[in-house]
């Protein structure tokens, strides 16, 4: 029974220097997997073949599995092996050494050049006491195997040691109570054999150099990696040598727990190294396709193994793995028929047809890498944050989610809302009434509310603002009767301690523009820019900018943090259904017949109060926000020299972020 995996050297571009000088498995080898019936059942041979084919890319390799054989030596001879692995998971310690020595001598007489003798794996019983007892006998067998390997001059694979270490890590990771199917024994065993084979673990490397103005200057890939710059901080690559990932993981995302923590596969066998020189920041977020990890400047200069830190989304190994599994199954059926003297021509044809399928799935792998320089984390000042909230509370309703979240933070003592302004021409003139209803529900009815109400602005329709106004506070003034927003801001800022205020804007910037253009008055002897500079720590903007906002961006005197697209990845609000009927946000959801909304505006509120203190978000540096001219909407982050602008970026997985947002929205007011 055999699997022929022919890899053309000219197709792969494999250079001799890519392999170590003394790999156990070499080009043109005919590799036989030998052992008892457990050899096939443990499944390690699939992973070994996957790796040798897709990762090590040993040219012209032929493999065959003989773990099922009852007449091992007789079946091996026709295969004419040049390399072999041996794994006996069980056996009589009295005869084990003699049996293995005889097999090794027989293999040598067949012309086998390289032999890897593996010890049995440890006992995988979830019960630690039972596993320890069972492993005692297996440890004795492992010592016999080690002695035989030394005596016969063959390579020893410490399967027992590798699996024992993995089990210890598993118990430390998930505790003593876990199901056996949470651990893939074959994956652990394959690691031990592949490590013993001394194949080059370096799948590839990419070196990137940055300029002082936060642009990539030069990229270079190792042999087998074709890399080109595709953007200021982005590169695209095509690799003919692939990183390995556990083929059974769904969509290539993450290994089933706790495999990744148990087996140091990536550290020892699966290195894809990124080196970054002259990074113009102290740390960076590195995206490998759609996943990411943060590294320090020092780590990147030394070189980081992306395989260790970032779950891969590559599909090549998974595709090859499927073909290998199908091939092994067809070979077992055909091999069983041969052993019984009943060769099945149809099954032999199926077996032969699977070979080109596995070979055809070896296609160059495309990937992208983006290196996003990060600002040094801001230290959150002690005590509650003084916050202002500027909202276009009208057609969209993520503003209502944001206002609810901000009031929740105030209830928890994390912030003081010192002013709220509406900045839209709502058809029902009830934007301010929604803000008042939410504030009142959270026992904050006295927060001043103003408006930038310009009848010349386009009218925005809303399905919920007028119903909220009518239900919760019908006597509250319509928007055109609210105090001037700039005056509300001036009063709030003048009364606040210096450099204590974070202003949050999630809509049009009419109020903020008017504040900047305001002159000294009875409220404060300072003109708008000076008042802002003295009182405001930073401005957080949800980046739906328009050309009218250019004035604010050009003239704002303190740092600006943009919350760009980070709200795209979460839909907070489902937890609101469990809150009291008097909750205005719950009423809005009922009116609109929805249960959540994309989290654009709430993320700006989160950043305004918590900043980077809770590890949910962090800030990219080296650039500025450019307001686009219609028909392009919103704006664009432009990479360049350091300015007073920062761009928020995600740090925590989106599902965990969503849980945090929903927990806050479900919290009752106090």
Foldseek 3Di string as FASTA:
>chain_A
DKFWAADDCVVQVDDPVQWDPDFLDAAQFEEEEDEALVSVVLPLVLVLVLCCCFALNHHGYMYDYCNHPPPRLVVVLVSLGQEYEYEYQDDDLVCLLVVVLVVVVSNVVSNHNAYEYEQHAFQLPLAPVVSVVRRVVSVSRLVSSVVSCVVVVHFYQHRHVQNVQLSVQQCVVPNSDDDSVLDRSSNSSNLRVNLSRRTNQERWEKEWEADLLQFTDDMDIDRQKDKDADDRFKIKIWGLRDFDDDLVDPLQADRRPPHLRRGVCCVRRGFYKAAYPPRNAQKKWKDKAHWIDIDGNVDRNVIDGCVSPGRDNWCLSNQLSVLSVQLNVLCVVQVVCVVVVRHDPVSVVVNVVSNVSSNVSSDIIMIMMGIFAFHDADDDDDWAFEEEEEEQQAADCLSLLQLLLLLLCVLVRLHDHQAYEYEAQEPLLQSQVSSQLSCVQLVNNPRAYAYDHDPVDDYGYHLQRVVSCVPRPVPPDGRVPGHHLLVSVLLSLLPAQWQRYEYEYEDACPSVLCLQQAAQDPSHNDHSQVSCNGRHAEYEYAQFDAPVCVSCQVRRDHFYEYAYCPLQLAWAFQLLCPADPSNSVNVRCVSVVHRTGRNRRNVSSCCRRCNCPPPFKGKGFAWGWAHDHPPDTRTDTDGTHGDSYIYIDGGDDSVVVRVVSNVSSNDRRD
